[in-house]
PDB file of N, CA and C in Angstrom:
ATOM      1  N   ALA A   1       0.893  -1.205   0.015  1.00  0.00           N
ATOM      2  CA  ALA A   1      -0.026   0.015   0.022  1.00  0.00           C
ATOM      3  C   ALA A   1       0.907   1.275  -0.004  1.00  0.00           C
ATOM      4  N   PRO A   2       0.444   2.274  -0.695  1.00  0.00           N
ATOM      5  CA  PRO A   2       1.203   3.502  -0.733  1.00  0.00           C
ATOM      6  C   PRO A   2       1.236   4.202   0.650  1.00  0.00           C
ATOM      7  N   GLU A   3       2.356   4.844   0.975  1.00  0.00           N
ATOM      8  CA  GLU A   3       2.394   5.583   2.219  1.00  0.00           C
ATOM      9  C   GLU A   3       1.660   6.925   2.072  1.00  0.00           C
ATOM     10  N   ILE A   4       0.833   7.208   3.039  1.00  0.00           N
ATOM     11  CA  ILE A   4       0.056   8.459   3.034  1.00  0.00           C
ATOM     12  C   ILE A   4       0.823   9.554   3.740  1.00  0.00           C
ATOM     13  N   ASP A   5       0.932  10.683   3.086  1.00  0.00           N
ATOM     14  CA  ASP A   5       1.543  11.901   3.652  1.00  0.00           C
ATOM     15  C   ASP A   5       0.476  12.681   4.336  1.00  0.00           C
ATOM     16  N   PHE A   6       0.282  12.367   5.623  1.00  0.00           N
ATOM     17  CA  PHE A   6      -0.830  13.021   6.371  1.00  0.00           C
ATOM     18  C   PHE A   6      -0.635  14.499   6.554  1.00  0.00           C
ATOM     19  N   VAL A   7       0.616  14.989   6.611  1.00  0.00           N
ATOM     20  CA  VAL A   7       0.874  16.395   6.786  1.00  0.00           C
ATOM     21  C   VAL A   7       0.470  17.148   5.531  1.00  0.00           C
ATOM     22  N   THR A   8       0.830  16.644   4.343  1.00  0.00           N
ATOM     23  CA  THR A   8       0.400  17.247   3.105  1.00  0.00           C
ATOM     24  C   THR A   8      -1.110  17.182   2.935  1.00  0.00           C
ATOM     25  N   LEU A   9      -1.686  16.106   3.342  1.00  0.00           N
ATOM     26  CA  LEU A   9      -3.119  15.945   3.265  1.00  0.00           C
ATOM     27  C   LEU A   9      -3.813  16.995   4.174  1.00  0.00           C
ATOM     28  N   ALA A  10      -3.327  17.188   5.362  1.00  0.00           N
ATOM     29  CA  ALA A  10      -3.876  18.143   6.309  1.00  0.00           C
ATOM     30  C   ALA A  10      -3.723  19.549   5.752  1.00  0.00           C
ATOM     31  N   LYS A  11      -2.551  19.895   5.201  1.00  0.00           N
ATOM     32  CA  LYS A  11      -2.337  21.215   4.596  1.00  0.00           C
ATOM     33  C   LYS A  11      -3.292  21.455   3.466  1.00  0.00           C
ATOM     34  N   SER A  12      -3.721  20.443   2.699  1.00  0.00           N
ATOM     35  CA  SER A  12      -4.666  20.654   1.658  1.00  0.00           C
ATOM     36  C   SER A  12      -6.007  21.061   2.188  1.00  0.00           C
ATOM     37  N   GLN A  13      -6.292  20.826   3.442  1.00  0.00           N
ATOM     38  CA  GLN A  13      -7.488  21.211   4.104  1.00  0.00           C
ATOM     39  C   GLN A  13      -7.289  22.464   5.026  1.00  0.00           C
ATOM     40  N   GLY A  14      -6.100  23.103   4.929  1.00  0.00           N
ATOM     41  CA  GLY A  14      -5.865  24.352   5.700  1.00  0.00           C
ATOM     42  C   GLY A  14      -5.407  24.088   7.090  1.00  0.00           C
ATOM     43  N   VAL A  15      -4.920  22.900   7.380  1.00  0.00           N
ATOM     44  CA  VAL A  15      -4.383  22.527   8.688  1.00  0.00           C
ATOM     45  C   VAL A  15      -2.895  22.351   8.648  1.00  0.00           C
ATOM     46  N   ASN A  16      -2.169  23.070   9.413  1.00  0.00           N
ATOM     47  CA  ASN A  16      -0.720  22.864   9.535  1.00  0.00           C
ATOM     48  C   ASN A  16      -0.385  21.652  10.354  1.00  0.00           C
ATOM     49  N   GLY A  17       0.832  21.206  10.206  1.00  0.00           N
ATOM     50  CA  GLY A  17       1.252  20.087  10.940  1.00  0.00           C
ATOM     51  C   GLY A  17       2.724  19.747  10.756  1.00  0.00           C
ATOM     52  N   ALA A  18       3.124  18.618  11.375  1.00  0.00           N
ATOM     53  CA  ALA A  18       4.534  18.195  11.232  1.00  0.00           C
ATOM     54  C   ALA A  18       4.627  16.707  11.431  1.00  0.00           C
ATOM     55  N   LYS A  19       5.631  16.121  10.764  1.00  0.00           N
ATOM     56  CA  LYS A  19       5.951  14.693  10.807  1.00  0.00           C
ATOM     57  C   LYS A  19       7.178  14.570  11.688  1.00  0.00           C
ATOM     58  N   VAL A  20       7.092  13.633  12.661  1.00  0.00           N
ATOM     59  CA  VAL A  20       8.286  13.416  13.530  1.00  0.00           C
ATOM     60  C   VAL A  20       8.763  11.986  13.369  1.00  0.00           C
ATOM     61  N   THR A  21      10.027  11.782  13.049  1.00  0.00           N
ATOM     62  CA  THR A  21      10.617  10.474  12.874  1.00  0.00           C
ATOM     63  C   THR A  21      11.702  10.201  13.853  1.00  0.00           C
ATOM     64  N   SER A  22      12.025  11.155  14.680  1.00  0.00           N
ATOM     65  CA  SER A  22      13.096  11.023  15.692  1.00  0.00           C
ATOM     66  C   SER A  22      12.637  11.456  17.071  1.00  0.00           C
ATOM     67  N   PRO A  23      12.741  10.631  18.051  1.00  0.00           N
ATOM     68  CA  PRO A  23      12.394  11.063  19.443  1.00  0.00           C
ATOM     69  C   PRO A  23      12.973  12.359  19.904  1.00  0.00           C
ATOM     70  N   LYS A  24      14.167  12.691  19.410  1.00  0.00           N
ATOM     71  CA  LYS A  24      14.816  13.991  19.844  1.00  0.00           C
ATOM     72  C   LYS A  24      14.051  15.207  19.332  1.00  0.00           C
ATOM     73  N   ASP A  25      13.276  15.042  18.298  1.00  0.00           N
ATOM     74  CA  ASP A  25      12.489  16.174  17.682  1.00  0.00           C
ATOM     75  C   ASP A  25      11.094  16.324  18.304  1.00  0.00           C
ATOM     76  N   LEU A  26      10.704  15.308  19.052  1.00  0.00           N
ATOM     77  CA  LEU A  26       9.296  15.201  19.554  1.00  0.00           C
ATOM     78  C   LEU A  26       8.975  16.440  20.491  1.00  0.00           C
ATOM     79  N   GLU A  27       9.815  16.680  21.432  1.00  0.00           N
ATOM     80  CA  GLU A  27       9.476  17.815  22.365  1.00  0.00           C
ATOM     81  C   GLU A  27       9.338  19.123  21.623  1.00  0.00           C
ATOM     82  N   ARG A  28      10.139  19.462  20.711  1.00  0.00           N
ATOM     83  CA  ARG A  28      10.041  20.722  19.998  1.00  0.00           C
ATOM     84  C   ARG A  28       8.793  20.760  19.244  1.00  0.00           C
ATOM     85  N   VAL A  29       8.416  19.691  18.526  1.00  0.00           N
ATOM     86  CA  VAL A  29       7.189  19.704  17.682  1.00  0.00           C
ATOM     87  C   VAL A  29       5.946  19.731  18.604  1.00  0.00           C
ATOM     88  N   LEU A  30       5.996  19.080  19.764  1.00  0.00           N
ATOM     89  CA  LEU A  30       4.837  19.031  20.657  1.00  0.00           C
ATOM     90  C   LEU A  30       4.666  20.502  21.178  1.00  0.00           C
ATOM     91  N   ARG A  31       5.763  21.149  21.475  1.00  0.00           N
ATOM     92  CA  ARG A  31       5.632  22.536  21.979  1.00  0.00           C
ATOM     93  C   ARG A  31       4.961  23.429  20.870  1.00  0.00           C
ATOM     94  N   ARG A  32       5.391  23.181  19.637  1.00  0.00           N
ATOM     95  CA  ARG A  32       4.729  24.009  18.599  1.00  0.00           C
ATOM     96  C   ARG A  32       3.275  23.680  18.453  1.00  0.00           C
ATOM     97  N   ALA A  33       2.897  22.414  18.585  1.00  0.00           N
ATOM     98  CA  ALA A  33       1.469  22.024  18.484  1.00  0.00           C
ATOM     99  C   ALA A  33       0.659  22.639  19.618  1.00  0.00           C
ATOM    100  N   VAL A  34       1.232  22.677  20.803  1.00  0.00           N
ATOM    101  CA  VAL A  34       0.517  23.309  21.937  1.00  0.00           C
ATOM    102  C   VAL A  34       0.310  24.813  21.691  1.00  0.00           C
ATOM    103  N   GLU A  35       1.327  25.471  21.141  1.00  0.00           N
ATOM    104  CA  GLU A  35       1.170  26.903  20.827  1.00  0.00           C
ATOM    105  C   GLU A  35       0.085  27.121  19.766  1.00  0.00           C
ATOM    106  N   VAL A  36       0.056  26.371  18.775  1.00  0.00           N
ATOM    107  CA  VAL A  36      -0.897  26.570  17.736  1.00  0.00           C
ATOM    108  C   VAL A  36      -2.332  26.246  18.204  1.00  0.00           C
ATOM    109  N   THR A  37      -2.485  25.163  18.887  1.00  0.00           N
ATOM    110  CA  THR A  37      -3.819  24.719  19.360  1.00  0.00           C
ATOM    111  C   THR A  37      -4.343  25.698  20.501  1.00  0.00           C
ATOM    112  N   ALA A  38      -3.379  26.253  21.264  1.00  0.00           N
ATOM    113  CA  ALA A  38      -3.795  27.273  22.276  1.00  0.00           C
ATOM    114  C   ALA A  38      -4.409  28.482  21.609  1.00  0.00           C
ATOM    115  N   GLY A  39      -4.030  28.775  20.388  1.00  0.00           N
ATOM    116  CA  GLY A  39      -4.539  29.862  19.612  1.00  0.00           C
ATOM    117  C   GLY A  39      -5.888  29.505  18.957  1.00  0.00           C
ATOM    118  N   GLY A  40      -6.373  28.288  19.157  1.00  0.00           N
ATOM    119  CA  GLY A  40      -7.635  27.891  18.551  1.00  0.00           C
ATOM    120  C   GLY A  40      -7.545  27.253  17.219  1.00  0.00           C
ATOM    121  N   GLU A  41      -6.384  27.030  16.730  1.00  0.00           N
ATOM    122  CA  GLU A  41      -6.184  26.372  15.400  1.00  0.00           C
ATOM    123  C   GLU A  41      -5.851  24.868  15.581  1.00  0.00           C
ATOM    124  N   PRO A  42      -6.253  24.033  14.627  1.00  0.00           N
ATOM    125  CA  PRO A  42      -5.898  22.659  14.672  1.00  0.00           C
ATOM    126  C   PRO A  42      -4.418  22.490  14.234  1.00  0.00           C
ATOM    127  N   TYR A  43      -3.788  21.370  14.640  1.00  0.00           N
ATOM    128  CA  TYR A  43      -2.445  21.125  14.266  1.00  0.00           C
ATOM    129  C   TYR A  43      -2.275  19.598  14.244  1.00  0.00           C
ATOM    130  N   LEU A  44      -1.812  19.027  13.121  1.00  0.00           N
ATOM    131  CA  LEU A  44      -1.652  17.614  12.980  1.00  0.00           C
ATOM    132  C   LEU A  44      -0.252  17.144  13.354  1.00  0.00           C
ATOM    133  N   LEU A  45      -0.119  16.160  14.149  1.00  0.00           N
ATOM    134  CA  LEU A  45       1.169  15.549  14.449  1.00  0.00           C
ATOM    135  C   LEU A  45       1.147  14.123  13.852  1.00  0.00           C
ATOM    136  N   ASP A  46       2.133  13.903  12.995  1.00  0.00           N
ATOM    137  CA  ASP A  46       2.275  12.506  12.465  1.00  0.00           C
ATOM    138  C   ASP A  46       3.554  11.974  13.029  1.00  0.00           C
ATOM    139  N   VAL A  47       3.416  11.208  14.114  1.00  0.00           N
ATOM    140  CA  VAL A  47       4.557  10.720  14.904  1.00  0.00           C
ATOM    141  C   VAL A  47       4.863   9.299  14.518  1.00  0.00           C
ATOM    142  N   ARG A  48       6.098   9.096  13.959  1.00  0.00           N
ATOM    143  CA  ARG A  48       6.421   7.787  13.549  1.00  0.00           C
ATOM    144  C   ARG A  48       7.890   7.422  14.121  1.00  0.00           C
ATOM    145  N   VAL A  49       7.882   7.126  15.395  1.00  0.00           N
ATOM    146  CA  VAL A  49       9.142   6.754  16.009  1.00  0.00           C
ATOM    147  C   VAL A  49       9.065   5.345  16.518  1.00  0.00           C
ATOM    148  N   ALA A  50      10.212   4.678  16.536  1.00  0.00           N
ATOM    149  CA  ALA A  50      10.199   3.294  17.003  1.00  0.00           C
ATOM    150  C   ALA A  50      10.128   3.315  18.541  1.00  0.00           C
ATOM    151  N   PRO A  51       9.384   2.385  19.027  1.00  0.00           N
ATOM    152  CA  PRO A  51       9.275   2.282  20.541  1.00  0.00           C
ATOM    153  C   PRO A  51      10.634   1.826  21.125  1.00  0.00           C
ATOM    154  N   VAL A  52      11.037   2.470  22.160  1.00  0.00           N
ATOM    155  CA  VAL A  52      12.296   2.137  22.833  1.00  0.00           C
ATOM    156  C   VAL A  52      12.078   2.287  24.344  1.00  0.00           C
ATOM    157  N   GLY A  53      12.919   1.587  25.088  1.00  0.00           N
ATOM    158  CA  GLY A  53      12.914   1.620  26.498  1.00  0.00           C
ATOM    159  C   GLY A  53      11.993   0.613  27.167  1.00  0.00           C
ATOM    160  N   ALA A  54      11.868   0.738  28.483  1.00  0.00           N
ATOM    161  CA  ALA A  54      11.084  -0.253  29.233  1.00  0.00           C
ATOM    162  C   ALA A  54       9.642  -0.253  28.685  1.00  0.00           C
ATOM    163  N   GLY A  55       9.147  -1.410  28.434  1.00  0.00           N
ATOM    164  CA  GLY A  55       7.769  -1.615  27.938  1.00  0.00           C
ATOM    165  C   GLY A  55       7.619  -1.428  26.490  1.00  0.00           C
ATOM    166  N   ALA A  56       8.670  -1.173  25.763  1.00  0.00           N
ATOM    167  CA  ALA A  56       8.613  -0.961  24.339  1.00  0.00           C
ATOM    168  C   ALA A  56       8.002  -2.081  23.533  1.00  0.00           C
ATOM    169  N   ASP A  57       8.114  -3.248  24.031  1.00  0.00           N
ATOM    170  CA  ASP A  57       7.605  -4.447  23.355  1.00  0.00           C
ATOM    171  C   ASP A  57       6.254  -4.817  23.889  1.00  0.00           C
ATOM    172  N   SER A  58       5.672  -4.060  24.763  1.00  0.00           N
ATOM    173  CA  SER A  58       4.338  -4.357  25.322  1.00  0.00           C
ATOM    174  C   SER A  58       3.192  -4.155  24.297  1.00  0.00           C
ATOM    175  N   THR A  59       2.193  -5.064  24.423  1.00  0.00           N
ATOM    176  CA  THR A  59       1.023  -4.935  23.609  1.00  0.00           C
ATOM    177  C   THR A  59      -0.106  -4.342  24.352  1.00  0.00           C
ATOM    178  N   TRP A  60       0.111  -3.829  25.589  1.00  0.00           N
ATOM    179  CA  TRP A  60      -0.948  -3.297  26.388  1.00  0.00           C
ATOM    180  C   TRP A  60      -0.710  -1.798  26.397  1.00  0.00           C
ATOM    181  N   TYR A  61      -1.783  -1.073  26.199  1.00  0.00           N
ATOM    182  CA  TYR A  61      -1.819   0.356  26.267  1.00  0.00           C
ATOM    183  C   TYR A  61      -2.827   0.909  27.214  1.00  0.00           C
ATOM    184  N   GLN A  62      -2.473   1.824  28.083  1.00  0.00           N
ATOM    185  CA  GLN A  62      -3.379   2.393  29.036  1.00  0.00           C
ATOM    186  C   GLN A  62      -4.404   3.245  28.285  1.00  0.00           C
ATOM    187  N   GLN A  63      -5.693   3.108  28.733  1.00  0.00           N
ATOM    188  CA  GLN A  63      -6.776   3.897  28.177  1.00  0.00           C
ATOM    189  C   GLN A  63      -6.546   5.370  28.567  1.00  0.00           C
ATOM    190  N   PHE A  64      -6.910   6.304  27.677  1.00  0.00           N
ATOM    191  CA  PHE A  64      -6.776   7.654  27.990  1.00  0.00           C
ATOM    192  C   PHE A  64      -7.876   8.471  27.324  1.00  0.00           C
ATOM    193  N   LYS A  65      -8.173   9.659  27.789  1.00  0.00           N
ATOM    194  CA  LYS A  65      -9.157  10.563  27.185  1.00  0.00           C
ATOM    195  C   LYS A  65      -8.496  11.840  26.833  1.00  0.00           C
ATOM    196  N   LEU A  66      -8.945  12.409  25.728  1.00  0.00           N
ATOM    197  CA  LEU A  66      -8.420  13.710  25.307  1.00  0.00           C
ATOM    198  C   LEU A  66      -9.160  14.861  25.959  1.00  0.00           C
ATOM    199  N   ARG A  67     -10.280  14.593  26.497  1.00  0.00           N
ATOM    200  CA  ARG A  67     -11.099  15.717  27.127  1.00  0.00           C
ATOM    201  C   ARG A  67     -10.504  16.080  28.413  1.00  0.00           C
ATOM    202  N   ARG A  68     -10.661  17.351  28.740  1.00  0.00           N
ATOM    203  CA  ARG A  68     -10.234  17.848  30.055  1.00  0.00           C
ATOM    204  C   ARG A  68     -11.304  17.793  31.035  1.00  0.00           C
TER     205      ARG A  68
END
């Protein structure tokens, strides 16, 4: 299957975003996303990093909610 460029797709709909492929870039991009969304605009994050560290091979994920 072809790889989908979600950032370009979002931009075609007027939504800015960023793709992250390295854990070292994640904090910077998350900060940018928080800035943009605090201003009332949407921001897409396409995060594609390999799991590393304790629990990286786990198939269990804690449930979470995005609502405050």
